[in-house]
């Protein structure tokens, strides 16, 4: 019980990292422009390091992703990009990307262009085309986290449990390590990458303020020992005299 309680605190405390958790693959997507009930419900998993700032892009509000993936009735998957600076979303449809401006709603976040409507409330949503019945959707949190990470230039993400930790590699030669259920954040620049001592193994190493980190990924199936989520890499973090093991995935 103590570990589960701390894990919940970890998720809350690292919302600023935009969102790291169980993983699968996906492209760009999103939904709500502000962290209200309109944003997808947070899942019990770590969150990613705050998006790097670029000229003219201060990033979305804290806790809001740049992209989301929704799984809907009938096997429909919606990939939604959060155009947070425009109060709009862009949805990938069969005919191409469709930009929907936000419109007034009694609750949640509603986007519509007169023909297509997307209305999200927490981790659920409805999608409707004019002349067709609405379909129900549920956010695929793991895929949303990867879609968001991809937009931020992250190349690898990994996590572990007891104590909960999270690592993101990228953009560029940067690496972010969240330790002890998100209570400690360590950022490294100029991280080096080298091949490991076995096929499919890659090692990242960095140093900052007298602290060194070594992050090793080995390409082989890995199952999270708490969530049961499947990953494509095993991960090891060596930092401050400790060695933690977990699972990770290639994002790009």
C-alpha atoms as a PDB file:
ATOM      1  CA  UNK A   1       0.000   0.000   0.000  1.00  0.00           C
ATOM      2  CA  UNK A   2       2.840   2.391   0.784  1.00  0.00           C
ATOM      3  CA  UNK A   3       4.339   2.000  -2.693  1.00  0.00           C
ATOM      4  CA  UNK A   4       0.984   2.511  -4.397  1.00  0.00           C
ATOM      5  CA  UNK A   5       0.357   5.689  -2.422  1.00  0.00           C
ATOM      6  CA  UNK A   6       3.746   7.058  -3.331  1.00  0.00           C
ATOM      7  CA  UNK A   7       3.167   6.091  -6.955  1.00  0.00           C
ATOM      8  CA  UNK A   8       0.016   8.206  -7.035  1.00  0.00           C
ATOM      9  CA  UNK A   9       1.953  11.130  -5.568  1.00  0.00           C
ATOM     10  CA  UNK A  10       4.575  10.617  -8.269  1.00  0.00           C
ATOM     11  CA  UNK A  11       2.026  11.115 -11.048  1.00  0.00           C
ATOM     12  CA  UNK A  12       0.684  14.295  -9.504  1.00  0.00           C
ATOM     13  CA  UNK A  13       4.121  15.698  -8.773  1.00  0.00           C
ATOM     14  CA  UNK A  14       5.448  15.204 -12.288  1.00  0.00           C
ATOM     15  CA  UNK A  15       2.561  16.592 -14.306  1.00  0.00           C
ATOM     16  CA  UNK A  16       4.989  19.319 -15.355  1.00  0.00           C
ATOM     17  CA  UNK A  17       6.872  16.695 -17.341  1.00  0.00           C
ATOM     18  CA  UNK A  18       3.894  16.602 -19.676  1.00  0.00           C
ATOM     19  CA  UNK A  19       3.366  12.854 -19.269  1.00  0.00           C
ATOM     20  CA  UNK A  20       5.498   9.617 -19.295  1.00  0.00           C
ATOM     21  CA  UNK A  21       3.719   5.876 -18.572  1.00  0.00           C
ATOM     22  CA  UNK A  22       2.988   2.434 -20.147  1.00  0.00           C
ATOM     23  CA  UNK A  23       3.997   2.396 -23.802  1.00  0.00           C
ATOM     24  CA  UNK A  24       2.899   1.595 -27.326  1.00  0.00           C
ATOM     25  CA  UNK A  25       3.566   3.405 -30.606  1.00  0.00           C
ATOM     26  CA  UNK A  26       1.741   6.203 -32.330  1.00  0.00           C
ATOM     27  CA  UNK A  27       1.923   9.433 -34.344  1.00  0.00           C
ATOM     28  CA  UNK A  28       0.922  13.027 -33.591  1.00  0.00           C
ATOM     29  CA  UNK A  29      -2.297  13.820 -31.757  1.00  0.00           C
ATOM     30  CA  UNK A  30      -4.071  15.847 -28.927  1.00  0.00           C
ATOM     31  CA  UNK A  31      -7.086  17.506 -27.415  1.00  0.00           C
ATOM     32  CA  UNK A  32      -7.675  20.123 -24.794  1.00  0.00           C
ATOM     33  CA  UNK A  33      -6.110  23.592 -24.638  1.00  0.00           C
ATOM     34  CA  UNK A  34      -6.043  23.818 -20.843  1.00  0.00           C
ATOM     35  CA  UNK A  35      -5.598  21.519 -17.863  1.00  0.00           C
ATOM     36  CA  UNK A  36      -9.236  21.349 -16.792  1.00  0.00           C
ATOM     37  CA  UNK A  37     -11.762  18.528 -16.880  1.00  0.00           C
ATOM     38  CA  UNK A  38     -11.347  18.896 -20.631  1.00  0.00           C
ATOM     39  CA  UNK A  39      -7.913  17.294 -20.477  1.00  0.00           C
ATOM     40  CA  UNK A  40      -7.634  13.497 -20.517  1.00  0.00           C
ATOM     41  CA  UNK A  41      -7.579  11.893 -17.084  1.00  0.00           C
ATOM     42  CA  UNK A  42      -4.077  11.252 -15.788  1.00  0.00           C
ATOM     43  CA  UNK A  43      -3.021   7.616 -15.680  1.00  0.00           C
ATOM     44  CA  UNK A  44      -1.075   6.088 -12.781  1.00  0.00           C
ATOM     45  CA  UNK A  45       2.301   6.461 -14.463  1.00  0.00           C
ATOM     46  CA  UNK A  46       5.200   8.904 -14.605  1.00  0.00           C
ATOM     47  CA  UNK A  47       4.977  12.036 -16.742  1.00  0.00           C
ATOM     48  CA  UNK A  48       7.622  13.397 -19.208  1.00  0.00           C
ATOM     49  CA  UNK A  49      10.059  16.215 -18.803  1.00  0.00           C
ATOM     50  CA  UNK A  50       8.715  19.639 -19.570  1.00  0.00           C
ATOM     51  CA  UNK A  51       8.812  20.312 -23.313  1.00  0.00           C
ATOM     52  CA  UNK A  52      11.901  22.179 -24.487  1.00  0.00           C
ATOM     53  CA  UNK A  53      11.154  25.766 -25.344  1.00  0.00           C
ATOM     54  CA  UNK A  54      11.803  26.930 -28.866  1.00  0.00           C
ATOM     55  CA  UNK A  55      11.502  30.450 -30.267  1.00  0.00           C
ATOM     56  CA  UNK A  56       7.817  31.335 -30.473  1.00  0.00           C
ATOM     57  CA  UNK A  57       6.691  28.126 -28.739  1.00  0.00           C
ATOM     58  CA  UNK A  58       6.310  28.207 -24.975  1.00  0.00           C
ATOM     59  CA  UNK A  59       4.600  24.832 -24.914  1.00  0.00           C
ATOM     60  CA  UNK A  60       1.107  23.883 -23.706  1.00  0.00           C
ATOM     61  CA  UNK A  61      -0.108  24.487 -20.140  1.00  0.00           C
ATOM     62  CA  UNK A  62       1.369  22.264 -17.454  1.00  0.00           C
ATOM     63  CA  UNK A  63      -0.077  18.756 -17.535  1.00  0.00           C
ATOM     64  CA  UNK A  64      -1.455  19.086 -21.073  1.00  0.00           C
ATOM     65  CA  UNK A  65      -0.050  16.967 -23.896  1.00  0.00           C
ATOM     66  CA  UNK A  66       0.727  18.138 -27.397  1.00  0.00           C
ATOM     67  CA  UNK A  67      -0.808  15.000 -28.842  1.00  0.00           C
ATOM     68  CA  UNK A  68      -3.383  12.361 -27.930  1.00  0.00           C
ATOM     69  CA  UNK A  69      -4.594   9.035 -29.294  1.00  0.00           C
ATOM     70  CA  UNK A  70      -8.203   7.928 -28.907  1.00  0.00           C
ATOM     71  CA  UNK A  71      -9.603   4.435 -29.496  1.00  0.00           C
ATOM     72  CA  UNK A  72     -13.243   4.551 -30.595  1.00  0.00           C
ATOM     73  CA  UNK A  73     -16.145   2.255 -31.332  1.00  0.00           C
ATOM     74  CA  UNK A  74     -15.868   0.162 -34.466  1.00  0.00           C
ATOM     75  CA  UNK A  75     -12.076  -0.037 -34.323  1.00  0.00           C
ATOM     76  CA  UNK A  76     -11.636   3.638 -35.176  1.00  0.00           C
ATOM     77  CA  UNK A  77      -8.439   5.310 -33.949  1.00  0.00           C
ATOM     78  CA  UNK A  78      -8.271   9.098 -33.752  1.00  0.00           C
ATOM     79  CA  UNK A  79      -4.922  10.854 -33.692  1.00  0.00           C
ATOM     80  CA  UNK A  80      -5.440  14.356 -32.403  1.00  0.00           C
ATOM     81  CA  UNK A  81      -2.881  17.141 -32.218  1.00  0.00           C
ATOM     82  CA  UNK A  82      -3.383  19.858 -29.649  1.00  0.00           C
ATOM     83  CA  UNK A  83      -3.190  23.286 -31.305  1.00  0.00           C
ATOM     84  CA  UNK A  84      -3.125  24.882 -27.866  1.00  0.00           C
ATOM     85  CA  UNK A  85      -2.050  28.320 -29.112  1.00  0.00           C
ATOM     86  CA  UNK A  86      -5.042  28.459 -31.446  1.00  0.00           C
ATOM     87  CA  UNK A  87      -7.713  26.952 -29.167  1.00  0.00           C
ATOM     88  CA  UNK A  88      -8.193  24.207 -31.717  1.00  0.00           C
ATOM     89  CA  UNK A  89      -7.279  20.614 -32.497  1.00  0.00           C
ATOM     90  CA  UNK A  90      -6.188  18.857 -35.661  1.00  0.00           C
ATOM     91  CA  UNK A  91      -7.560  15.358 -36.247  1.00  0.00           C
ATOM     92  CA  UNK A  92      -6.081  12.901 -38.739  1.00  0.00           C
ATOM     93  CA  UNK A  93      -8.963  11.562 -40.803  1.00  0.00           C
ATOM     94  CA  UNK A  94      -9.115   9.350 -43.867  1.00  0.00           C
ATOM     95  CA  UNK A  95      -9.231  12.376 -46.153  1.00  0.00           C
ATOM     96  CA  UNK A  96      -6.378  14.123 -44.317  1.00  0.00           C
ATOM     97  CA  UNK A  97      -5.880  16.404 -41.323  1.00  0.00           C
ATOM     98  CA  UNK A  98      -8.961  18.357 -40.205  1.00  0.00           C
ATOM     99  CA  UNK A  99      -8.620  21.478 -38.044  1.00  0.00           C
ATOM    100  CA  UNK A 100     -11.490  22.015 -35.598  1.00  0.00           C
ATOM    101  CA  UNK A 101     -11.820  25.262 -33.599  1.00  0.00           C
ATOM    102  CA  UNK A 102     -13.032  25.113 -30.011  1.00  0.00           C
ATOM    103  CA  UNK A 103     -16.705  25.994 -29.489  1.00  0.00           C
ATOM    104  CA  UNK A 104     -18.792  26.671 -26.397  1.00  0.00           C
ATOM    105  CA  UNK A 105     -19.884  23.648 -24.352  1.00  0.00           C
ATOM    106  CA  UNK A 106     -21.541  23.039 -21.008  1.00  0.00           C
ATOM    107  CA  UNK A 107     -18.669  20.781 -19.933  1.00  0.00           C
ATOM    108  CA  UNK A 108     -15.471  19.315 -21.269  1.00  0.00           C
ATOM    109  CA  UNK A 109     -13.833  20.644 -24.429  1.00  0.00           C
ATOM    110  CA  UNK A 110     -15.801  20.700 -27.672  1.00  0.00           C
ATOM    111  CA  UNK A 111     -14.377  21.278 -31.151  1.00  0.00           C
ATOM    112  CA  UNK A 112     -16.431  21.555 -34.331  1.00  0.00           C
ATOM    113  CA  UNK A 113     -16.354  22.957 -37.867  1.00  0.00           C
ATOM    114  CA  UNK A 114     -20.002  22.415 -38.793  1.00  0.00           C
ATOM    115  CA  UNK A 115     -19.366  18.992 -40.282  1.00  0.00           C
ATOM    116  CA  UNK A 116     -17.143  17.197 -37.774  1.00  0.00           C
ATOM    117  CA  UNK A 117     -17.451  17.402 -33.979  1.00  0.00           C
ATOM    118  CA  UNK A 118     -15.034  16.135 -31.340  1.00  0.00           C
ATOM    119  CA  UNK A 119     -16.063  16.515 -27.684  1.00  0.00           C
ATOM    120  CA  UNK A 120     -13.758  15.333 -24.894  1.00  0.00           C
ATOM    121  CA  UNK A 121     -14.548  14.991 -21.197  1.00  0.00           C
ATOM    122  CA  UNK A 122     -11.646  13.710 -19.169  1.00  0.00           C
ATOM    123  CA  UNK A 123     -10.483  10.378 -20.582  1.00  0.00           C
ATOM    124  CA  UNK A 124     -13.577   9.871 -22.762  1.00  0.00           C
ATOM    125  CA  UNK A 125     -14.851  11.605 -25.885  1.00  0.00           C
ATOM    126  CA  UNK A 126     -17.396  11.465 -28.680  1.00  0.00           C
ATOM    127  CA  UNK A 127     -16.710  11.892 -32.367  1.00  0.00           C
ATOM    128  CA  UNK A 128     -19.406  12.700 -34.901  1.00  0.00           C
ATOM    129  CA  UNK A 129     -19.654  13.416 -38.609  1.00  0.00           C
ATOM    130  CA  UNK A 130     -22.684  15.280 -39.868  1.00  0.00           C
ATOM    131  CA  UNK A 131     -25.334  12.781 -40.953  1.00  0.00           C
ATOM    132  CA  UNK A 132     -23.774   9.894 -39.001  1.00  0.00           C
ATOM    133  CA  UNK A 133     -24.298   8.772 -35.393  1.00  0.00           C
ATOM    134  CA  UNK A 134     -21.709   9.780 -32.795  1.00  0.00           C
ATOM    135  CA  UNK A 135     -19.200   7.169 -31.664  1.00  0.00           C
ATOM    136  CA  UNK A 136     -17.675   6.846 -28.212  1.00  0.00           C
ATOM    137  CA  UNK A 137     -13.925   7.076 -27.661  1.00  0.00           C
ATOM    138  CA  UNK A 138     -11.495   6.375 -24.831  1.00  0.00           C
ATOM    139  CA  UNK A 139      -8.038   7.890 -24.570  1.00  0.00           C
ATOM    140  CA  UNK A 140      -5.223   5.381 -25.128  1.00  0.00           C
ATOM    141  CA  UNK A 141      -2.955   6.943 -22.532  1.00  0.00           C
ATOM    142  CA  UNK A 142       0.175   4.960 -23.342  1.00  0.00           C
ATOM    143  CA  UNK A 143      -0.074   5.845 -27.020  1.00  0.00           C
ATOM    144  CA  UNK A 144      -0.815   9.482 -26.178  1.00  0.00           C
ATOM    145  CA  UNK A 145       2.363   9.708 -24.116  1.00  0.00           C
ATOM    146  CA  UNK A 146       4.450   8.381 -26.987  1.00  0.00           C
ATOM    147  CA  UNK A 147       2.753  10.670 -29.501  1.00  0.00           C
ATOM    148  CA  UNK A 148       3.499  13.639 -27.270  1.00  0.00           C
ATOM    149  CA  UNK A 149       7.098  12.519 -26.715  1.00  0.00           C
ATOM    150  CA  UNK A 150       7.625  12.162 -30.452  1.00  0.00           C
ATOM    151  CA  UNK A 151       6.526  15.752 -31.034  1.00  0.00           C
ATOM    152  CA  UNK A 152       8.981  16.917 -28.378  1.00  0.00           C
ATOM    153  CA  UNK A 153      11.896  15.180 -30.067  1.00  0.00           C
ATOM    154  CA  UNK A 154      12.279  12.368 -27.540  1.00  0.00           C
ATOM    155  CA  UNK A 155      14.079   9.309 -28.921  1.00  0.00           C
ATOM    156  CA  UNK A 156      13.777   6.886 -25.981  1.00  0.00           C
ATOM    157  CA  UNK A 157      11.576   6.686 -22.885  1.00  0.00           C
ATOM    158  CA  UNK A 158      11.907   4.267 -19.998  1.00  0.00           C
ATOM    159  CA  UNK A 159      10.418   3.757 -16.549  1.00  0.00           C
ATOM    160  CA  UNK A 160      10.652   1.552 -13.494  1.00  0.00           C
ATOM    161  CA  UNK A 161       9.000   0.943 -10.137  1.00  0.00           C
ATOM    162  CA  UNK A 162       9.672   0.984  -6.416  1.00  0.00           C
ATOM    163  CA  UNK A 163      10.874   3.658  -6.343  1.00  0.00           C
ATOM    164  CA  UNK A 164       9.143   5.000  -9.449  1.00  0.00           C
ATOM    165  CA  UNK A 165      11.533   6.538 -11.991  1.00  0.00           C
ATOM    166  CA  UNK A 166      11.454   7.826 -15.533  1.00  0.00           C
ATOM    167  CA  UNK A 167      14.048   8.653 -18.188  1.00  0.00           C
ATOM    168  CA  UNK A 168      13.644  10.537 -21.456  1.00  0.00           C
ATOM    169  CA  UNK A 169      16.462  10.808 -23.981  1.00  0.00           C
ATOM    170  CA  UNK A 170      16.243  13.856 -26.232  1.00  0.00           C
ATOM    171  CA  UNK A 171      15.764  16.155 -27.849  1.00  0.00           C
ATOM    172  CA  UNK A 172      19.283  16.135 -29.213  1.00  0.00           C
ATOM    173  CA  UNK A 173      21.948  15.181 -26.687  1.00  0.00           C
ATOM    174  CA  UNK A 174      19.832  15.847 -23.597  1.00  0.00           C
ATOM    175  CA  UNK A 175      18.583  13.364 -21.005  1.00  0.00           C
ATOM    176  CA  UNK A 176      16.075  13.887 -18.182  1.00  0.00           C
ATOM    177  CA  UNK A 177      15.858  11.585 -15.173  1.00  0.00           C
ATOM    178  CA  UNK A 178      12.964  11.706 -12.711  1.00  0.00           C
ATOM    179  CA  UNK A 179      13.797   9.828  -9.536  1.00  0.00           C
ATOM    180  CA  UNK A 180      12.007   8.699  -6.370  1.00  0.00           C
ATOM    181  CA  UNK A 181       8.446   8.977  -7.700  1.00  0.00           C
ATOM    182  CA  UNK A 182       9.179  12.315  -9.351  1.00  0.00           C
ATOM    183  CA  UNK A 183      10.447  14.023  -6.204  1.00  0.00           C
ATOM    184  CA  UNK A 184      13.842  14.630  -7.824  1.00  0.00           C
ATOM    185  CA  UNK A 185      14.525  15.824 -11.376  1.00  0.00           C
ATOM    186  CA  UNK A 186      17.974  15.665 -12.969  1.00  0.00           C
ATOM    187  CA  UNK A 187      18.687  17.144 -16.397  1.00  0.00           C
ATOM    188  CA  UNK A 188      21.817  16.383 -18.404  1.00  0.00           C
ATOM    189  CA  UNK A 189      23.130  18.027 -21.581  1.00  0.00           C
ATOM    190  CA  UNK A 190      25.841  16.815 -23.933  1.00  0.00           C
ATOM    191  CA  UNK A 191      25.029  13.187 -23.220  1.00  0.00           C
ATOM    192  CA  UNK A 192      27.194  10.684 -25.097  1.00  0.00           C
ATOM    193  CA  UNK A 193      25.900   7.580 -26.832  1.00  0.00           C
ATOM    194  CA  UNK A 194      27.859   4.385 -27.383  1.00  0.00           C
ATOM    195  CA  UNK A 195      27.262   0.778 -28.351  1.00  0.00           C
ATOM    196  CA  UNK A 196      27.036  -1.686 -25.520  1.00  0.00           C
ATOM    197  CA  UNK A 197      28.840  -4.987 -25.116  1.00  0.00           C
ATOM    198  CA  UNK A 198      26.065  -6.922 -26.835  1.00  0.00           C
ATOM    199  CA  UNK A 199      23.971  -6.584 -29.996  1.00  0.00           C
ATOM    200  CA  UNK A 200      20.985  -4.306 -29.592  1.00  0.00           C
ATOM    201  CA  UNK A 201      22.443  -2.526 -26.555  1.00  0.00           C
ATOM    202  CA  UNK A 202      23.015   1.230 -26.389  1.00  0.00           C
ATOM    203  CA  UNK A 203      24.508   3.229 -23.516  1.00  0.00           C
ATOM    204  CA  UNK A 204      23.935   6.917 -22.717  1.00  0.00           C
ATOM    205  CA  UNK A 205      26.241   8.685 -20.270  1.00  0.00           C
ATOM    206  CA  UNK A 206      26.186  12.210 -18.893  1.00  0.00           C
ATOM    207  CA  UNK A 207      27.456  14.365 -16.071  1.00  0.00           C
ATOM    208  CA  UNK A 208      26.242  17.569 -14.450  1.00  0.00           C
ATOM    209  CA  UNK A 209      27.097  19.309 -11.185  1.00  0.00           C
ATOM    210  CA  UNK A 210      29.339  16.484 -10.083  1.00  0.00           C
ATOM    211  CA  UNK A 211      26.621  13.876 -10.657  1.00  0.00           C
ATOM    212  CA  UNK A 212      26.974  11.211 -13.334  1.00  0.00           C
ATOM    213  CA  UNK A 213      24.360   9.001 -14.953  1.00  0.00           C
ATOM    214  CA  UNK A 214      24.602   5.893 -17.091  1.00  0.00           C
ATOM    215  CA  UNK A 215      21.469   4.748 -18.880  1.00  0.00           C
ATOM    216  CA  UNK A 216      21.532   1.425 -20.717  1.00  0.00           C
ATOM    217  CA  UNK A 217      18.895   0.098 -23.096  1.00  0.00           C
ATOM    218  CA  UNK A 218      18.879  -3.429 -24.503  1.00  0.00           C
ATOM    219  CA  UNK A 219      16.536  -4.274 -27.342  1.00  0.00           C
ATOM    220  CA  UNK A 220      14.539  -7.236 -26.066  1.00  0.00           C
ATOM    221  CA  UNK A 221      10.963  -7.719 -24.837  1.00  0.00           C
ATOM    222  CA  UNK A 222      10.261  -6.327 -21.374  1.00  0.00           C
ATOM    223  CA  UNK A 223       7.082  -6.408 -19.281  1.00  0.00           C
ATOM    224  CA  UNK A 224       6.429  -3.804 -16.586  1.00  0.00           C
ATOM    225  CA  UNK A 225       6.229  -5.646 -13.263  1.00  0.00           C
ATOM    226  CA  UNK A 226       3.327  -3.526 -11.991  1.00  0.00           C
ATOM    227  CA  UNK A 227       1.166  -2.598 -14.979  1.00  0.00           C
ATOM    228  CA  UNK A 228       1.917  -5.573 -17.196  1.00  0.00           C
ATOM    229  CA  UNK A 229       2.560  -3.206 -20.117  1.00  0.00           C
ATOM    230  CA  UNK A 230       4.847  -4.549 -22.837  1.00  0.00           C
ATOM    231  CA  UNK A 231       7.925  -2.662 -24.038  1.00  0.00           C
ATOM    232  CA  UNK A 232      10.587  -3.284 -26.680  1.00  0.00           C
ATOM    233  CA  UNK A 233      13.641  -2.545 -24.488  1.00  0.00           C
ATOM    234  CA  UNK A 234      14.995  -3.460 -21.074  1.00  0.00           C
ATOM    235  CA  UNK A 235      16.428  -0.472 -19.219  1.00  0.00           C
ATOM    236  CA  UNK A 236      18.964   0.093 -16.457  1.00  0.00           C
ATOM    237  CA  UNK A 237      19.704   3.421 -14.750  1.00  0.00           C
ATOM    238  CA  UNK A 238      22.908   3.849 -12.733  1.00  0.00           C
ATOM    239  CA  UNK A 239      22.922   7.058 -10.716  1.00  0.00           C
ATOM    240  CA  UNK A 240      24.329   8.200  -7.369  1.00  0.00           C
ATOM    241  CA  UNK A 241      25.443   4.718  -6.356  1.00  0.00           C
ATOM    242  CA  UNK A 242      22.119   3.045  -7.170  1.00  0.00           C
ATOM    243  CA  UNK A 243      21.098   0.751 -10.004  1.00  0.00           C
ATOM    244  CA  UNK A 244      17.440   0.634 -11.065  1.00  0.00           C
ATOM    245  CA  UNK A 245      15.863  -1.642 -13.649  1.00  0.00           C
ATOM    246  CA  UNK A 246      12.779  -1.169 -15.775  1.00  0.00           C
ATOM    247  CA  UNK A 247      11.423  -1.142 -19.326  1.00  0.00           C
ATOM    248  CA  UNK A 248      11.616   1.331 -22.180  1.00  0.00           C
ATOM    249  CA  UNK A 249      10.761   1.963 -25.787  1.00  0.00           C
ATOM    250  CA  UNK A 250      12.146   3.649 -28.874  1.00  0.00           C
ATOM    251  CA  UNK A 251       9.966   6.661 -29.697  1.00  0.00           C
ATOM    252  CA  UNK A 252      11.187   7.891 -33.079  1.00  0.00           C
END
